[in-house]
Amino acid sequence: MSELTGKRILITGLTGSVGFPIAKRLAAAGNEVFGGARFSSAKRRARVEEAGINCVQLDLIEADFSEVPDDVDYVVNFAVLHAPDFDTALAANAEGIGLLMAHCRKAKAVLHCSSTGVYEADDHRSFKETDPLGDNHRPAGLTTYSISKIAAEAVARHAARLWNLPTIIPRLNVPYGDTWGWPKMHVDMMLAGAEIPVHADAPSLYNPIHEDDIFGLIPALLGAASVPATIVNWAGPDTVSVEDWCAYVGAMTGTEPRFAPTPAAIPSVAIDTTRMRELVGPAQVGWKEGFRRMVEASYPDLVKPKG
């Protein structure tokens, strides 16, 4: 599948950083997009509607799908709740995807977005899909995140087999766009003179993936959905450290990054993208190109010319 157009697509997590820009682009591509979220804010709901997305109230904890159509072509689940207690986190992140898949079991395929936060921290290795799972977000105080995401994968795998529903579970690394994401937070912090927390076991390596590649790879990912579910890393083409990307931003803007090494940070989570490239193709946006675009979009007056 090279592109998505003319399809009925349900996307969850519309109030999160990833879900909205992807839903907006799918709607602009000629799809009938249903954006599922709790929409507790009228302002956020209006923003979604202005983007040509049909708002449907969806509460994964309460399993309220009364507004959610059950005849969509595809389900793309970006919903995640960073709850401090496990009961809530498991209900929202794990039980929720199973109940949603049951409701939408007539779909052609489901993309359940997981996270490379599911891997067991192991120095600076590049993780493959078959590597041990663990709790690498706990040091940063996200005590329920990794475990509830692992549980969600298991539930999605079960639902795929139960309903014979083709499913793919891509493990997303560091997502960002021209105006959003964890790297964008680092840019804002640097320019405000704040210190950037990094793990004490330097360097903090990741494979940031730009919004263009997240959007561009979704058709191929849905085309690779299967029963049993397919699991694949979802990451950018380059391995780069927080320290190096902050230095790059600093060189562009004339700002010296200041780091605060601490064990209370997410450790290095570099990713092996071999299977991704074989299954759906490579990401295209290199980190330097993507980061320059990101800085230029928010701080055009500060960016020094190339060269």
C-alpha atoms as a PDB file:
ATOM      1  CA  MET A   1       0.000   0.000   0.000  1.00  0.00           C
ATOM      2  CA  SER A   2       1.739   3.170  -1.198  1.00  0.00           C
ATOM      3  CA  GLU A   3      -0.772   5.738   0.057  1.00  0.00           C
ATOM      4  CA  LEU A   4      -4.030   6.192   1.921  1.00  0.00           C
ATOM      5  CA  THR A   5      -6.847   8.137   0.295  1.00  0.00           C
ATOM      6  CA  GLY A   6     -10.603   7.763   0.181  1.00  0.00           C
ATOM      7  CA  LYS A   7     -10.599   5.599   3.312  1.00  0.00           C
ATOM      8  CA  ARG A   8     -12.497   5.765   6.589  1.00  0.00           C
ATOM      9  CA  ILE A   9      -9.851   5.944   9.317  1.00  0.00           C
ATOM     10  CA  LEU A  10     -10.202   6.114  13.079  1.00  0.00           C
ATOM     11  CA  ILE A  11      -7.258   7.751  14.847  1.00  0.00           C
ATOM     12  CA  THR A  12      -7.103   7.849  18.631  1.00  0.00           C
ATOM     13  CA  GLY A  13      -5.036  10.156  20.804  1.00  0.00           C
ATOM     14  CA  LEU A  14      -5.994  13.351  18.999  1.00  0.00           C
ATOM     15  CA  THR A  15      -5.006  15.541  21.931  1.00  0.00           C
ATOM     16  CA  GLY A  16      -1.505  14.027  22.042  1.00  0.00           C
ATOM     17  CA  SER A  17       1.515  15.310  20.172  1.00  0.00           C
ATOM     18  CA  VAL A  18       1.617  12.611  17.462  1.00  0.00           C
ATOM     19  CA  GLY A  19      -2.050  11.876  16.796  1.00  0.00           C
ATOM     20  CA  PHE A  20      -3.213  15.327  15.731  1.00  0.00           C
ATOM     21  CA  PRO A  21      -0.624  16.163  13.038  1.00  0.00           C
ATOM     22  CA  ILE A  22      -1.004  12.685  11.514  1.00  0.00           C
ATOM     23  CA  ALA A  23      -4.806  12.849  11.548  1.00  0.00           C
ATOM     24  CA  LYS A  24      -4.661  16.311   9.968  1.00  0.00           C
ATOM     25  CA  ARG A  25      -2.465  15.073   7.141  1.00  0.00           C
ATOM     26  CA  LEU A  26      -4.626  11.992   6.525  1.00  0.00           C
ATOM     27  CA  ALA A  27      -7.708  14.196   6.322  1.00  0.00           C
ATOM     28  CA  ALA A  28      -5.936  16.520   3.885  1.00  0.00           C
ATOM     29  CA  ALA A  29      -5.095  13.468   1.733  1.00  0.00           C
ATOM     30  CA  GLY A  30      -8.783  12.860   1.081  1.00  0.00           C
ATOM     31  CA  ASN A  31      -9.656  10.391   3.807  1.00  0.00           C
ATOM     32  CA  GLU A  32     -12.696  10.507   6.085  1.00  0.00           C
ATOM     33  CA  VAL A  33     -10.923  10.735   9.419  1.00  0.00           C
ATOM     34  CA  PHE A  34     -12.576  10.155  12.777  1.00  0.00           C
ATOM     35  CA  GLY A  35     -10.561  11.557  15.661  1.00  0.00           C
ATOM     36  CA  GLY A  36     -11.162   9.767  18.926  1.00  0.00           C
ATOM     37  CA  ALA A  37     -10.349  11.378  22.264  1.00  0.00           C
ATOM     38  CA  ARG A  38     -12.047  12.469  25.475  1.00  0.00           C
ATOM     39  CA  PHE A  39     -12.068  16.089  24.256  1.00  0.00           C
ATOM     40  CA  SER A  40     -12.318  17.586  27.735  1.00  0.00           C
ATOM     41  CA  SER A  41     -11.250  20.918  26.245  1.00  0.00           C
ATOM     42  CA  ALA A  42     -13.642  22.714  23.875  1.00  0.00           C
ATOM     43  CA  LYS A  43     -10.669  24.608  22.443  1.00  0.00           C
ATOM     44  CA  ARG A  44      -8.881  21.392  21.486  1.00  0.00           C
ATOM     45  CA  ARG A  45     -12.051  19.982  19.959  1.00  0.00           C
ATOM     46  CA  ALA A  46     -12.460  23.107  17.823  1.00  0.00           C
ATOM     47  CA  ARG A  47      -8.838  22.830  16.671  1.00  0.00           C
ATOM     48  CA  VAL A  48      -9.453  19.245  15.536  1.00  0.00           C
ATOM     49  CA  GLU A  49     -12.681  20.115  13.722  1.00  0.00           C
ATOM     50  CA  GLU A  50     -11.009  23.031  11.934  1.00  0.00           C
ATOM     51  CA  ALA A  51      -8.520  20.524  10.503  1.00  0.00           C
ATOM     52  CA  GLY A  52     -11.342  18.633   8.767  1.00  0.00           C
ATOM     53  CA  ILE A  53     -11.414  15.788  11.285  1.00  0.00           C
ATOM     54  CA  ASN A  54     -14.664  14.313  12.601  1.00  0.00           C
ATOM     55  CA  CYS A  55     -14.511  14.432  16.402  1.00  0.00           C
ATOM     56  CA  VAL A  56     -15.810  11.356  18.215  1.00  0.00           C
ATOM     57  CA  GLN A  57     -15.730  11.206  21.979  1.00  0.00           C
ATOM     58  CA  LEU A  58     -13.886   8.116  23.121  1.00  0.00           C
ATOM     59  CA  ASP A  59     -12.988   7.087  26.656  1.00  0.00           C
ATOM     60  CA  LEU A  60     -10.759   4.012  26.720  1.00  0.00           C
ATOM     61  CA  ILE A  61     -10.962   3.676  30.509  1.00  0.00           C
ATOM     62  CA  GLU A  62     -14.760   3.660  30.567  1.00  0.00           C
ATOM     63  CA  ALA A  63     -14.932   1.718  27.275  1.00  0.00           C
ATOM     64  CA  ASP A  64     -17.365   4.306  25.927  1.00  0.00           C
ATOM     65  CA  PHE A  65     -17.475   3.810  22.160  1.00  0.00           C
ATOM     66  CA  SER A  66     -21.005   5.106  21.622  1.00  0.00           C
ATOM     67  CA  GLU A  67     -19.811   7.788  19.166  1.00  0.00           C
ATOM     68  CA  VAL A  68     -17.201   5.597  17.477  1.00  0.00           C
ATOM     69  CA  PRO A  69     -18.164   4.090  14.097  1.00  0.00           C
ATOM     70  CA  ASP A  70     -17.639   0.334  13.888  1.00  0.00           C
ATOM     71  CA  ASP A  71     -17.270   0.226  10.110  1.00  0.00           C
ATOM     72  CA  VAL A  72     -13.989   2.052   9.535  1.00  0.00           C
ATOM     73  CA  ASP A  73     -11.389   0.724   7.127  1.00  0.00           C
ATOM     74  CA  TYR A  74      -8.422   1.273   9.429  1.00  0.00           C
ATOM     75  CA  VAL A  75      -7.708   1.985  13.081  1.00  0.00           C
ATOM     76  CA  VAL A  76      -4.561   3.896  14.046  1.00  0.00           C
ATOM     77  CA  ASN A  77      -4.113   3.991  17.816  1.00  0.00           C
ATOM     78  CA  PHE A  78      -1.856   6.723  19.185  1.00  0.00           C
ATOM     79  CA  ALA A  79      -3.696   7.019  22.514  1.00  0.00           C
ATOM     80  CA  VAL A  80      -1.590   6.787  25.658  1.00  0.00           C
ATOM     81  CA  LEU A  81      -2.208   7.846  29.225  1.00  0.00           C
ATOM     82  CA  HIS A  82       0.715   8.675  31.516  1.00  0.00           C
ATOM     83  CA  ALA A  83      -1.090   7.692  34.695  1.00  0.00           C
ATOM     84  CA  PRO A  84       0.811   7.500  37.999  1.00  0.00           C
ATOM     85  CA  ASP A  85      -1.042   4.364  39.164  1.00  0.00           C
ATOM     86  CA  PHE A  86      -1.078   0.983  37.449  1.00  0.00           C
ATOM     87  CA  ASP A  87      -4.828   0.378  37.641  1.00  0.00           C
ATOM     88  CA  THR A  88      -5.518   3.467  35.551  1.00  0.00           C
ATOM     89  CA  ALA A  89      -2.554   2.973  33.212  1.00  0.00           C
ATOM     90  CA  LEU A  90      -3.444  -0.648  32.462  1.00  0.00           C
ATOM     91  CA  ALA A  91      -7.127   0.159  31.988  1.00  0.00           C
ATOM     92  CA  ALA A  92      -6.381   2.969  29.523  1.00  0.00           C
ATOM     93  CA  ASN A  93      -3.343   1.632  27.680  1.00  0.00           C
ATOM     94  CA  ALA A  94      -3.866  -2.132  27.711  1.00  0.00           C
ATOM     95  CA  GLU A  95      -7.534  -2.946  28.262  1.00  0.00           C
ATOM     96  CA  GLY A  96      -8.498   0.014  26.112  1.00  0.00           C
ATOM     97  CA  ILE A  97      -6.855  -1.228  22.918  1.00  0.00           C
ATOM     98  CA  GLY A  98      -8.424  -4.657  23.293  1.00  0.00           C
ATOM     99  CA  LEU A  99     -11.904  -3.219  23.741  1.00  0.00           C
ATOM    100  CA  LEU A 100     -11.384  -0.812  20.848  1.00  0.00           C
ATOM    101  CA  MET A 101     -10.267  -3.636  18.554  1.00  0.00           C
ATOM    102  CA  ALA A 102     -13.348  -5.614  19.527  1.00  0.00           C
ATOM    103  CA  HIS A 103     -15.539  -2.645  18.628  1.00  0.00           C
ATOM    104  CA  CYS A 104     -13.747  -2.140  15.285  1.00  0.00           C
ATOM    105  CA  ARG A 105     -13.197  -5.809  14.475  1.00  0.00           C
ATOM    106  CA  LYS A 106     -14.568  -5.376  10.928  1.00  0.00           C
ATOM    107  CA  ALA A 107     -11.611  -3.120  10.027  1.00  0.00           C
ATOM    108  CA  LYS A 108      -9.128  -4.155   7.364  1.00  0.00           C
ATOM    109  CA  ALA A 109      -6.182  -3.530   9.691  1.00  0.00           C
ATOM    110  CA  VAL A 110      -5.134  -1.974  12.999  1.00  0.00           C
ATOM    111  CA  LEU A 111      -1.960  -0.042  13.734  1.00  0.00           C
ATOM    112  CA  HIS A 112      -1.337  -0.011  17.480  1.00  0.00           C
ATOM    113  CA  CYS A 113       1.501   2.419  18.204  1.00  0.00           C
ATOM    114  CA  SER A 114       3.799   1.068  20.890  1.00  0.00           C
ATOM    115  CA  SER A 115       7.103   2.486  22.084  1.00  0.00           C
ATOM    116  CA  THR A 116      10.785   1.625  22.206  1.00  0.00           C
ATOM    117  CA  GLY A 117      10.269   2.366  25.897  1.00  0.00           C
ATOM    118  CA  VAL A 118       9.443  -1.341  26.198  1.00  0.00           C
ATOM    119  CA  TYR A 119      13.074  -2.489  25.927  1.00  0.00           C
ATOM    120  CA  GLU A 120      15.208  -3.452  28.900  1.00  0.00           C
ATOM    121  CA  ALA A 121      17.946  -0.839  29.260  1.00  0.00           C
ATOM    122  CA  ASP A 122      21.285  -2.308  28.217  1.00  0.00           C
ATOM    123  CA  ASP A 123      24.079   0.250  27.946  1.00  0.00           C
ATOM    124  CA  HIS A 124      24.261   1.697  24.413  1.00  0.00           C
ATOM    125  CA  ARG A 125      23.266  -1.246  22.248  1.00  0.00           C
ATOM    126  CA  SER A 126      20.888  -0.875  19.294  1.00  0.00           C
ATOM    127  CA  PHE A 127      17.763  -2.804  20.192  1.00  0.00           C
ATOM    128  CA  LYS A 128      16.194  -5.353  17.863  1.00  0.00           C
ATOM    129  CA  GLU A 129      12.554  -6.411  18.068  1.00  0.00           C
ATOM    130  CA  THR A 130      13.606  -9.720  19.640  1.00  0.00           C
ATOM    131  CA  ASP A 131      15.596  -8.136  22.477  1.00  0.00           C
ATOM    132  CA  PRO A 132      14.454  -8.443  26.118  1.00  0.00           C
ATOM    133  CA  LEU A 133      11.650  -6.202  27.301  1.00  0.00           C
ATOM    134  CA  GLY A 134      11.884  -4.133  30.452  1.00  0.00           C
ATOM    135  CA  ASP A 135      11.172  -0.862  32.226  1.00  0.00           C
ATOM    136  CA  ASN A 136      13.521   1.749  30.766  1.00  0.00           C
ATOM    137  CA  HIS A 137      11.274   4.761  31.559  1.00  0.00           C
ATOM    138  CA  ARG A 138      11.128   4.171  35.306  1.00  0.00           C
ATOM    139  CA  PRO A 139      14.353   6.087  36.099  1.00  0.00           C
ATOM    140  CA  ALA A 140      12.715   9.249  34.718  1.00  0.00           C
ATOM    141  CA  GLY A 141       9.736   8.864  37.047  1.00  0.00           C
ATOM    142  CA  LEU A 142       7.385   7.377  34.438  1.00  0.00           C
ATOM    143  CA  THR A 143       6.682   4.409  36.660  1.00  0.00           C
ATOM    144  CA  THR A 144       3.760   2.895  34.740  1.00  0.00           C
ATOM    145  CA  TYR A 145       4.693   3.740  31.153  1.00  0.00           C
ATOM    146  CA  SER A 146       6.911   0.876  29.986  1.00  0.00           C
ATOM    147  CA  ILE A 147       4.983  -1.860  31.756  1.00  0.00           C
ATOM    148  CA  SER A 148       1.586  -0.655  30.557  1.00  0.00           C
ATOM    149  CA  LYS A 149       2.911  -0.379  26.989  1.00  0.00           C
ATOM    150  CA  ILE A 150       4.205  -3.966  27.180  1.00  0.00           C
ATOM    151  CA  ALA A 151       0.805  -5.070  28.500  1.00  0.00           C
ATOM    152  CA  ALA A 152      -0.900  -3.177  25.652  1.00  0.00           C
ATOM    153  CA  GLU A 153       1.192  -5.070  23.090  1.00  0.00           C
ATOM    154  CA  ALA A 154       0.099  -8.360  24.623  1.00  0.00           C
ATOM    155  CA  VAL A 155      -3.573  -7.352  24.554  1.00  0.00           C
ATOM    156  CA  ALA A 156      -3.322  -6.186  20.936  1.00  0.00           C
ATOM    157  CA  ARG A 157      -1.678  -9.467  19.968  1.00  0.00           C
ATOM    158  CA  HIS A 158      -4.469 -11.385  21.690  1.00  0.00           C
ATOM    159  CA  ALA A 159      -7.208  -9.302  20.036  1.00  0.00           C
ATOM    160  CA  ALA A 160      -5.642  -9.779  16.597  1.00  0.00           C
ATOM    161  CA  ARG A 161      -5.889 -13.552  16.953  1.00  0.00           C
ATOM    162  CA  LEU A 162      -9.281 -13.490  18.684  1.00  0.00           C
ATOM    163  CA  TRP A 163     -10.944 -11.402  15.953  1.00  0.00           C
ATOM    164  CA  ASN A 164      -8.705 -12.495  13.058  1.00  0.00           C
ATOM    165  CA  LEU A 165      -7.927  -8.792  12.696  1.00  0.00           C
ATOM    166  CA  PRO A 166      -4.674  -7.937  10.873  1.00  0.00           C
ATOM    167  CA  THR A 167      -2.562  -5.914  13.286  1.00  0.00           C
ATOM    168  CA  ILE A 168       0.821  -4.234  13.320  1.00  0.00           C
ATOM    169  CA  ILE A 169       2.569  -3.000  16.459  1.00  0.00           C
ATOM    170  CA  PRO A 170       5.304  -0.514  15.549  1.00  0.00           C
ATOM    171  CA  ARG A 171       7.548   0.557  18.430  1.00  0.00           C
ATOM    172  CA  LEU A 172       8.006   4.291  17.979  1.00  0.00           C
ATOM    173  CA  ASN A 173      11.292   5.903  18.979  1.00  0.00           C
ATOM    174  CA  VAL A 174      11.566   9.700  19.460  1.00  0.00           C
ATOM    175  CA  PRO A 175       8.837  11.352  17.347  1.00  0.00           C
ATOM    176  CA  TYR A 176       9.066  15.025  16.432  1.00  0.00           C
ATOM    177  CA  GLY A 177       7.872  17.514  13.857  1.00  0.00           C
ATOM    178  CA  ASP A 178       8.654  21.030  12.760  1.00  0.00           C
ATOM    179  CA  THR A 179       6.804  22.445  15.767  1.00  0.00           C
ATOM    180  CA  TRP A 180       6.546  19.665  18.366  1.00  0.00           C
ATOM    181  CA  GLY A 181       8.289  16.779  20.135  1.00  0.00           C
ATOM    182  CA  TRP A 182      10.897  16.068  22.783  1.00  0.00           C
ATOM    183  CA  PRO A 183      13.727  17.622  20.715  1.00  0.00           C
ATOM    184  CA  LYS A 184      11.597  20.771  20.319  1.00  0.00           C
ATOM    185  CA  MET A 185      11.328  20.907  24.117  1.00  0.00           C
ATOM    186  CA  HIS A 186      15.124  20.798  24.277  1.00  0.00           C
ATOM    187  CA  VAL A 187      15.357  23.709  21.833  1.00  0.00           C
ATOM    188  CA  ASP A 188      12.959  25.753  23.957  1.00  0.00           C
ATOM    189  CA  MET A 189      14.875  24.897  27.133  1.00  0.00           C
ATOM    190  CA  MET A 190      18.232  25.833  25.621  1.00  0.00           C
ATOM    191  CA  LEU A 191      16.991  29.181  24.405  1.00  0.00           C
ATOM    192  CA  ALA A 192      15.472  29.849  27.825  1.00  0.00           C
ATOM    193  CA  GLY A 193      18.844  29.141  29.469  1.00  0.00           C
ATOM    194  CA  ALA A 194      17.653  25.946  31.183  1.00  0.00           C
ATOM    195  CA  GLU A 195      19.741  22.823  31.718  1.00  0.00           C
ATOM    196  CA  ILE A 196      18.938  19.708  29.660  1.00  0.00           C
ATOM    197  CA  PRO A 197      18.633  16.533  31.755  1.00  0.00           C
ATOM    198  CA  VAL A 198      20.604  13.646  30.249  1.00  0.00           C
ATOM    199  CA  HIS A 199      21.380  10.220  31.619  1.00  0.00           C
ATOM    200  CA  ALA A 200      24.595   9.967  33.596  1.00  0.00           C
ATOM    201  CA  ASP A 201      25.684   7.032  31.410  1.00  0.00           C
ATOM    202  CA  ALA A 202      26.455   9.206  28.395  1.00  0.00           C
ATOM    203  CA  PRO A 203      25.797   9.469  25.524  1.00  0.00           C
ATOM    204  CA  SER A 204      21.974   9.298  25.451  1.00  0.00           C
ATOM    205  CA  LEU A 205      21.417   7.687  22.030  1.00  0.00           C
ATOM    206  CA  TYR A 206      18.128   7.591  20.107  1.00  0.00           C
ATOM    207  CA  ASN A 207      16.790   7.446  16.548  1.00  0.00           C
ATOM    208  CA  PRO A 208      14.473  10.477  16.234  1.00  0.00           C
ATOM    209  CA  ILE A 209      11.821  10.130  13.537  1.00  0.00           C
ATOM    210  CA  HIS A 210      10.289  13.158  11.813  1.00  0.00           C
ATOM    211  CA  GLU A 211       6.546  13.630  11.303  1.00  0.00           C
ATOM    212  CA  ASP A 212       7.052  13.301   7.528  1.00  0.00           C
ATOM    213  CA  ASP A 213       8.324   9.759   7.988  1.00  0.00           C
ATOM    214  CA  ILE A 214       5.689   8.824  10.564  1.00  0.00           C
ATOM    215  CA  PHE A 215       2.984   9.875   8.098  1.00  0.00           C
ATOM    216  CA  GLY A 216       4.788   8.473   5.067  1.00  0.00           C
ATOM    217  CA  LEU A 217       5.273   4.988   6.514  1.00  0.00           C
ATOM    218  CA  ILE A 218       1.728   4.471   7.839  1.00  0.00           C
ATOM    219  CA  PRO A 219       0.334   3.056   4.554  1.00  0.00           C
ATOM    220  CA  ALA A 220       3.127   0.475   4.335  1.00  0.00           C
ATOM    221  CA  LEU A 221       2.777  -0.380   8.015  1.00  0.00           C
ATOM    222  CA  LEU A 222      -0.954  -0.997   7.627  1.00  0.00           C
ATOM    223  CA  GLY A 223      -0.195  -3.069   4.558  1.00  0.00           C
ATOM    224  CA  ALA A 224       2.166  -5.213   6.646  1.00  0.00           C
ATOM    225  CA  ALA A 225      -0.440  -5.883   9.350  1.00  0.00           C
ATOM    226  CA  SER A 226      -1.018  -9.571   9.948  1.00  0.00           C
ATOM    227  CA  VAL A 227      -2.412 -12.317  12.174  1.00  0.00           C
ATOM    228  CA  PRO A 228      -0.532 -13.025  14.424  1.00  0.00           C
ATOM    229  CA  ALA A 229       0.401  -9.377  14.834  1.00  0.00           C
ATOM    230  CA  THR A 230       3.604  -8.004  13.334  1.00  0.00           C
ATOM    231  CA  ILE A 231       6.014  -6.164  15.643  1.00  0.00           C
ATOM    232  CA  VAL A 232       8.564  -3.753  14.199  1.00  0.00           C
ATOM    233  CA  ASN A 233      10.713  -0.837  15.333  1.00  0.00           C
ATOM    234  CA  TRP A 234       9.603   2.568  14.011  1.00  0.00           C
ATOM    235  CA  ALA A 235      12.483   5.021  13.995  1.00  0.00           C
ATOM    236  CA  GLY A 236      14.465   7.539  12.019  1.00  0.00           C
ATOM    237  CA  PRO A 237      17.460   6.729   9.803  1.00  0.00           C
ATOM    238  CA  ASP A 238      20.155   8.012  12.164  1.00  0.00           C
ATOM    239  CA  THR A 239      21.390   7.216  15.646  1.00  0.00           C
ATOM    240  CA  VAL A 240      22.225  10.443  17.470  1.00  0.00           C
ATOM    241  CA  SER A 241      22.638  11.510  21.070  1.00  0.00           C
ATOM    242  CA  VAL A 242      20.762  14.206  22.960  1.00  0.00           C
ATOM    243  CA  GLU A 243      24.139  15.770  23.606  1.00  0.00           C
ATOM    244  CA  ASP A 244      24.948  15.951  19.878  1.00  0.00           C
ATOM    245  CA  TRP A 245      21.570  17.237  18.752  1.00  0.00           C
ATOM    246  CA  CYS A 246      21.661  19.964  21.384  1.00  0.00           C
ATOM    247  CA  ALA A 247      25.161  20.918  20.232  1.00  0.00           C
ATOM    248  CA  TYR A 248      23.883  21.088  16.648  1.00  0.00           C
ATOM    249  CA  VAL A 249      21.017  23.337  17.698  1.00  0.00           C
ATOM    250  CA  GLY A 250      23.477  25.435  19.679  1.00  0.00           C
ATOM    251  CA  ALA A 251      25.695  25.919  16.629  1.00  0.00           C
ATOM    252  CA  MET A 252      22.669  27.002  14.590  1.00  0.00           C
ATOM    253  CA  THR A 253      21.448  29.516  17.141  1.00  0.00           C
ATOM    254  CA  GLY A 254      24.633  30.651  18.866  1.00  0.00           C
ATOM    255  CA  THR A 255      23.487  29.071  22.131  1.00  0.00           C
ATOM    256  CA  GLU A 256      25.680  26.888  24.317  1.00  0.00           C
ATOM    257  CA  PRO A 257      23.742  23.889  25.665  1.00  0.00           C
ATOM    258  CA  ARG A 258      24.026  23.137  29.365  1.00  0.00           C
ATOM    259  CA  PHE A 259      23.514  19.555  30.497  1.00  0.00           C
ATOM    260  CA  ALA A 260      22.471  18.108  33.834  1.00  0.00           C
ATOM    261  CA  PRO A 261      23.681  14.480  33.956  1.00  0.00           C
ATOM    262  CA  THR A 262      21.542  12.355  36.266  1.00  0.00           C
ATOM    263  CA  PRO A 263      20.565   8.702  36.751  1.00  0.00           C
ATOM    264  CA  ALA A 264      16.960   9.977  36.929  1.00  0.00           C
ATOM    265  CA  ALA A 265      16.612  10.242  33.156  1.00  0.00           C
ATOM    266  CA  ILE A 266      15.599   7.906  30.346  1.00  0.00           C
ATOM    267  CA  PRO A 267      18.674   5.856  29.425  1.00  0.00           C
ATOM    268  CA  SER A 268      20.012   5.373  25.921  1.00  0.00           C
ATOM    269  CA  VAL A 269      17.497   3.634  23.613  1.00  0.00           C
ATOM    270  CA  ALA A 270      19.163   3.311  20.208  1.00  0.00           C
ATOM    271  CA  ILE A 271      17.248   1.207  17.690  1.00  0.00           C
ATOM    272  CA  ASP A 272      18.120  -1.354  15.029  1.00  0.00           C
ATOM    273  CA  THR A 273      15.936  -0.532  12.016  1.00  0.00           C
ATOM    274  CA  THR A 274      16.915  -3.508   9.838  1.00  0.00           C
ATOM    275  CA  ARG A 275      13.499  -5.146  10.041  1.00  0.00           C
ATOM    276  CA  MET A 276      11.691  -1.863   9.448  1.00  0.00           C
ATOM    277  CA  ARG A 277      13.673  -1.195   6.271  1.00  0.00           C
ATOM    278  CA  GLU A 278      13.006  -4.713   5.001  1.00  0.00           C
ATOM    279  CA  LEU A 279       9.294  -4.622   5.853  1.00  0.00           C
ATOM    280  CA  VAL A 280       8.171  -1.082   4.966  1.00  0.00           C
ATOM    281  CA  GLY A 281      11.227   0.781   3.710  1.00  0.00           C
ATOM    282  CA  PRO A 282      13.528   3.364   5.301  1.00  0.00           C
ATOM    283  CA  ALA A 283      12.770   6.686   6.920  1.00  0.00           C
ATOM    284  CA  GLN A 284      13.908   9.545   4.710  1.00  0.00           C
ATOM    285  CA  VAL A 285      14.414  12.636   6.868  1.00  0.00           C
ATOM    286  CA  GLY A 286      17.911  12.773   8.351  1.00  0.00           C
ATOM    287  CA  TRP A 287      18.158  14.203  11.828  1.00  0.00           C
ATOM    288  CA  LYS A 288      20.165  17.279  10.832  1.00  0.00           C
ATOM    289  CA  GLU A 289      17.671  18.216   8.122  1.00  0.00           C
ATOM    290  CA  GLY A 290      14.740  17.618  10.463  1.00  0.00           C
ATOM    291  CA  PHE A 291      16.233  19.555  13.351  1.00  0.00           C
ATOM    292  CA  ARG A 292      17.125  22.522  11.145  1.00  0.00           C
ATOM    293  CA  ARG A 293      13.534  22.609   9.899  1.00  0.00           C
ATOM    294  CA  MET A 294      12.299  22.427  13.474  1.00  0.00           C
ATOM    295  CA  VAL A 295      14.436  25.335  14.646  1.00  0.00           C
ATOM    296  CA  GLU A 296      13.676  27.415  11.547  1.00  0.00           C
ATOM    297  CA  ALA A 297       9.930  26.922  12.049  1.00  0.00           C
ATOM    298  CA  SER A 298       9.910  28.345  15.580  1.00  0.00           C
ATOM    299  CA  TYR A 299      12.977  30.581  15.725  1.00  0.00           C
ATOM    300  CA  PRO A 300      13.734  31.715  12.136  1.00  0.00           C
ATOM    301  CA  ASP A 301      15.492  34.889  13.264  1.00  0.00           C
ATOM    302  CA  LEU A 302      18.030  32.934  15.320  1.00  0.00           C
ATOM    303  CA  VAL A 303      19.134  30.404  12.725  1.00  0.00           C
ATOM    304  CA  LYS A 304      22.524  31.021  11.203  1.00  0.00           C
ATOM    305  CA  PRO A 305      22.890  30.433   7.437  1.00  0.00           C
ATOM    306  CA  LYS A 306      24.292  27.077   6.328  1.00  0.00           C
ATOM    307  CA  GLY A 307      27.961  26.901   5.602  1.00  0.00           C
END
